[in-house]
N, C-alpha and C. Protein backbone atom coordinates (compact mmCIF):
# COMPACT_ATOMS: atom_id res chain seq x y z
N MET A 1 43.30 165.30 123.87
CA MET A 1 43.10 164.76 122.54
C MET A 1 41.79 163.98 122.53
N PRO A 2 40.88 164.28 121.61
CA PRO A 2 39.60 163.57 121.57
C PRO A 2 39.79 162.12 121.14
N ASN A 3 38.85 161.29 121.58
CA ASN A 3 38.89 159.89 121.15
C ASN A 3 38.60 159.81 119.67
N GLN A 4 39.57 159.32 118.94
CA GLN A 4 39.38 159.15 117.51
C GLN A 4 39.18 157.67 117.24
N PRO A 5 38.32 157.35 116.29
CA PRO A 5 38.15 155.93 115.97
C PRO A 5 39.46 155.35 115.45
N LEU A 6 39.71 154.12 115.84
CA LEU A 6 40.90 153.43 115.35
C LEU A 6 40.73 153.14 113.88
N ASN A 7 41.84 153.08 113.20
CA ASN A 7 41.72 152.73 111.80
C ASN A 7 41.27 151.27 111.71
N PRO A 8 40.61 150.88 110.61
CA PRO A 8 40.02 149.53 110.52
C PRO A 8 41.03 148.41 110.73
N TYR A 9 42.26 148.58 110.27
CA TYR A 9 43.25 147.53 110.42
C TYR A 9 43.61 147.32 111.88
N THR A 10 43.71 148.42 112.61
CA THR A 10 43.99 148.33 114.04
C THR A 10 42.84 147.64 114.76
N GLN A 11 41.61 147.99 114.40
CA GLN A 11 40.44 147.37 115.02
C GLN A 11 40.43 145.86 114.78
N ILE A 12 40.75 145.45 113.58
CA ILE A 12 40.78 144.02 113.25
C ILE A 12 41.89 143.34 114.05
N ASN A 13 43.09 143.94 114.05
CA ASN A 13 44.22 143.34 114.77
C ASN A 13 43.97 143.22 116.26
N GLN A 14 43.23 144.16 116.83
CA GLN A 14 42.94 144.12 118.26
C GLN A 14 41.73 143.25 118.58
N GLY A 15 41.11 142.69 117.54
CA GLY A 15 39.97 141.81 117.75
C GLY A 15 38.68 142.56 118.03
N ASN A 16 38.64 143.86 117.73
CA ASN A 16 37.43 144.65 117.98
C ASN A 16 36.40 144.49 116.87
N THR A 17 36.82 144.02 115.74
CA THR A 17 35.92 143.83 114.61
C THR A 17 36.51 142.74 113.73
N GLU A 18 35.70 142.25 112.80
CA GLU A 18 36.17 141.23 111.86
C GLU A 18 36.32 141.85 110.49
N ALA A 19 37.19 141.28 109.71
CA ALA A 19 37.35 141.73 108.34
C ALA A 19 36.05 141.49 107.60
N SER A 20 35.70 142.41 106.71
CA SER A 20 34.44 142.27 105.98
C SER A 20 34.51 141.16 104.95
N ARG A 21 35.69 140.90 104.45
CA ARG A 21 35.86 139.83 103.48
C ARG A 21 37.09 139.02 103.83
N THR A 22 36.97 137.74 103.67
CA THR A 22 38.13 136.88 103.82
C THR A 22 38.19 135.97 102.61
N ALA A 23 39.37 135.71 102.16
CA ALA A 23 39.54 134.82 101.01
C ALA A 23 40.11 133.50 101.51
N ARG A 24 39.50 132.44 101.08
CA ARG A 24 39.99 131.11 101.44
C ARG A 24 40.31 130.38 100.14
N HIS A 25 41.51 129.90 100.07
CA HIS A 25 41.95 129.19 98.88
C HIS A 25 42.36 127.78 99.27
N GLU A 26 41.81 126.84 98.57
CA GLU A 26 42.19 125.45 98.80
C GLU A 26 43.51 125.20 98.08
N VAL A 27 44.47 124.67 98.80
CA VAL A 27 45.77 124.37 98.20
C VAL A 27 45.64 123.08 97.39
N ALA A 28 46.05 123.15 96.14
CA ALA A 28 45.94 121.99 95.26
C ALA A 28 46.88 120.87 95.70
N ASP A 29 46.40 119.65 95.58
CA ASP A 29 47.24 118.48 95.83
C ASP A 29 47.94 118.17 94.51
N VAL A 30 49.10 118.76 94.34
CA VAL A 30 49.81 118.71 93.06
C VAL A 30 50.14 117.28 92.66
N LYS A 31 50.59 116.46 93.61
CA LYS A 31 50.94 115.08 93.28
C LYS A 31 49.71 114.30 92.81
N ALA A 32 48.57 114.51 93.46
CA ALA A 32 47.34 113.81 93.05
C ALA A 32 46.93 114.23 91.65
N ILE A 33 47.05 115.52 91.36
CA ILE A 33 46.69 116.01 90.03
C ILE A 33 47.61 115.40 88.99
N ARG A 34 48.92 115.43 89.26
CA ARG A 34 49.90 114.90 88.29
C ARG A 34 49.73 113.40 88.09
N THR A 35 49.48 112.68 89.20
CA THR A 35 49.30 111.23 89.12
C THR A 35 48.06 110.89 88.30
N LYS A 36 46.99 111.64 88.51
CA LYS A 36 45.75 111.41 87.76
C LYS A 36 45.98 111.63 86.27
N LEU A 37 46.84 112.57 85.95
CA LEU A 37 47.16 112.85 84.54
C LEU A 37 48.14 111.84 83.95
N ASN A 38 48.78 111.04 84.83
CA ASN A 38 49.74 110.03 84.41
C ASN A 38 50.91 110.64 83.64
N VAL A 39 51.47 111.72 84.21
CA VAL A 39 52.64 112.36 83.60
C VAL A 39 53.77 112.44 84.63
N SER A 40 54.98 112.53 84.12
CA SER A 40 56.15 112.63 85.01
C SER A 40 56.26 114.04 85.58
N GLN A 41 57.10 114.17 86.58
CA GLN A 41 57.35 115.49 87.14
C GLN A 41 57.95 116.41 86.08
N ALA A 42 58.82 115.87 85.24
CA ALA A 42 59.44 116.68 84.18
C ALA A 42 58.40 117.16 83.17
N GLU A 43 57.49 116.28 82.77
CA GLU A 43 56.44 116.67 81.83
C GLU A 43 55.52 117.72 82.45
N PHE A 44 55.18 117.52 83.71
CA PHE A 44 54.30 118.45 84.40
C PHE A 44 54.97 119.82 84.55
N ALA A 45 56.25 119.80 84.92
CA ALA A 45 57.00 121.05 85.07
C ALA A 45 57.07 121.81 83.75
N SER A 46 57.33 121.09 82.67
CA SER A 46 57.42 121.73 81.36
C SER A 46 56.09 122.39 80.98
N ALA A 47 54.99 121.69 81.18
CA ALA A 47 53.67 122.23 80.85
C ALA A 47 53.33 123.43 81.72
N MET A 48 53.75 123.39 82.98
CA MET A 48 53.45 124.48 83.91
C MET A 48 54.43 125.65 83.77
N GLY A 49 55.49 125.44 82.99
CA GLY A 49 56.48 126.50 82.81
C GLY A 49 57.32 126.75 84.05
N THR A 50 57.62 125.67 84.76
CA THR A 50 58.41 125.78 85.98
C THR A 50 59.43 124.66 86.03
N SER A 51 60.18 124.57 87.09
CA SER A 51 61.22 123.56 87.20
C SER A 51 60.72 122.30 87.90
N VAL A 52 61.43 121.22 87.69
CA VAL A 52 61.12 119.96 88.39
C VAL A 52 61.28 120.17 89.90
N ASP A 53 62.27 120.95 90.30
CA ASP A 53 62.46 121.23 91.73
C ASP A 53 61.23 121.91 92.34
N THR A 54 60.62 122.81 91.58
CA THR A 54 59.41 123.47 92.08
C THR A 54 58.28 122.47 92.23
N ILE A 55 58.11 121.58 91.25
CA ILE A 55 57.07 120.54 91.33
C ILE A 55 57.32 119.67 92.56
N LYS A 56 58.57 119.27 92.76
CA LYS A 56 58.92 118.45 93.93
C LYS A 56 58.59 119.19 95.22
N SER A 57 58.88 120.46 95.26
CA SER A 57 58.61 121.27 96.44
C SER A 57 57.11 121.37 96.72
N TRP A 58 56.32 121.54 95.67
CA TRP A 58 54.86 121.57 95.83
C TRP A 58 54.34 120.22 96.31
N GLU A 59 54.85 119.16 95.67
CA GLU A 59 54.38 117.82 96.03
C GLU A 59 54.79 117.44 97.45
N GLY A 60 55.94 117.91 97.88
CA GLY A 60 56.42 117.62 99.23
C GLY A 60 55.85 118.57 100.28
N LYS A 61 54.98 119.47 99.85
CA LYS A 61 54.31 120.44 100.74
C LYS A 61 55.29 121.39 101.42
N ARG A 62 56.48 121.56 100.83
CA ARG A 62 57.44 122.52 101.37
C ARG A 62 57.06 123.94 100.96
N ASN A 63 56.47 124.06 99.79
CA ASN A 63 55.96 125.34 99.28
C ASN A 63 54.60 125.08 98.65
N ASN A 64 53.80 126.11 98.56
CA ASN A 64 52.50 126.00 97.91
C ASN A 64 52.50 126.84 96.64
N PRO A 65 51.84 126.35 95.61
CA PRO A 65 51.70 127.17 94.41
C PRO A 65 50.88 128.42 94.74
N THR A 66 51.25 129.53 94.14
CA THR A 66 50.53 130.78 94.38
C THR A 66 50.20 131.43 93.05
N GLY A 67 49.41 132.46 93.11
CA GLY A 67 49.10 133.27 91.94
C GLY A 67 48.54 132.46 90.79
N LEU A 68 49.08 132.73 89.62
CA LEU A 68 48.59 132.09 88.40
C LEU A 68 48.77 130.58 88.45
N ALA A 69 49.87 130.10 89.02
CA ALA A 69 50.09 128.65 89.11
C ALA A 69 48.97 127.99 89.91
N ALA A 70 48.56 128.60 91.00
CA ALA A 70 47.47 128.04 91.81
C ALA A 70 46.17 128.00 91.02
N LYS A 71 45.92 129.04 90.25
CA LYS A 71 44.69 129.09 89.44
C LYS A 71 44.73 128.04 88.33
N VAL A 72 45.88 127.89 87.69
CA VAL A 72 46.02 126.88 86.63
C VAL A 72 45.83 125.48 87.22
N LEU A 73 46.42 125.22 88.37
CA LEU A 73 46.26 123.90 89.01
C LEU A 73 44.81 123.63 89.37
N ALA A 74 44.11 124.63 89.87
CA ALA A 74 42.68 124.46 90.19
C ALA A 74 41.89 124.16 88.93
N THR A 75 42.24 124.81 87.84
CA THR A 75 41.56 124.56 86.57
C THR A 75 41.84 123.15 86.08
N ILE A 76 43.09 122.72 86.16
CA ILE A 76 43.45 121.36 85.75
C ILE A 76 42.73 120.33 86.62
N ARG A 77 42.67 120.59 87.93
CA ARG A 77 42.00 119.67 88.84
C ARG A 77 40.53 119.50 88.44
N ASN A 78 39.88 120.61 88.07
CA ASN A 78 38.46 120.57 87.72
C ASN A 78 38.21 120.18 86.28
N ASN A 79 39.21 120.33 85.43
CA ASN A 79 39.07 120.03 84.01
C ASN A 79 40.41 119.48 83.50
N PRO A 80 40.66 118.17 83.72
CA PRO A 80 41.96 117.60 83.34
C PRO A 80 42.34 117.80 81.88
N ASP A 81 41.37 117.94 80.98
CA ASP A 81 41.69 118.16 79.58
C ASP A 81 42.43 119.48 79.35
N PHE A 82 42.26 120.40 80.27
CA PHE A 82 42.96 121.68 80.17
C PHE A 82 44.48 121.48 80.18
N PHE A 83 44.93 120.45 80.89
CA PHE A 83 46.37 120.16 80.92
C PHE A 83 46.89 119.90 79.52
N ASN A 84 46.14 119.13 78.72
CA ASN A 84 46.57 118.84 77.35
C ASN A 84 46.67 120.11 76.53
N GLU A 85 45.79 121.06 76.80
CA GLU A 85 45.83 122.34 76.09
C GLU A 85 47.13 123.09 76.39
N ILE A 86 47.49 123.17 77.67
CA ILE A 86 48.70 123.93 78.00
C ILE A 86 49.96 123.15 77.67
N ALA A 87 49.88 121.82 77.72
CA ALA A 87 51.06 121.00 77.42
C ALA A 87 51.41 121.05 75.94
N SER A 88 50.43 121.33 75.09
CA SER A 88 50.68 121.33 73.65
C SER A 88 51.26 122.65 73.15
N HIS A 89 51.41 123.63 74.01
CA HIS A 89 51.93 124.94 73.58
C HIS A 89 53.35 125.12 73.98
């Protein structure tokens, strides 16, 4: 059997090459964001469309926000007025 090149994923896993792109996402400090906004966990959960338990889990670092929630939190962190926009709907 001739030597066939390894598929790219195998090469990366074996340390023969590096991934061409890597994504790095900073995990939002949910408690710091909420505290800066001066809102309760219940108010924050309502605006984010999630439960108070989820907010507690994020704040306690047991789980991290992902997907759209992570993007919304990053937007709120960079533009706190955005929170008022989503809270009013």
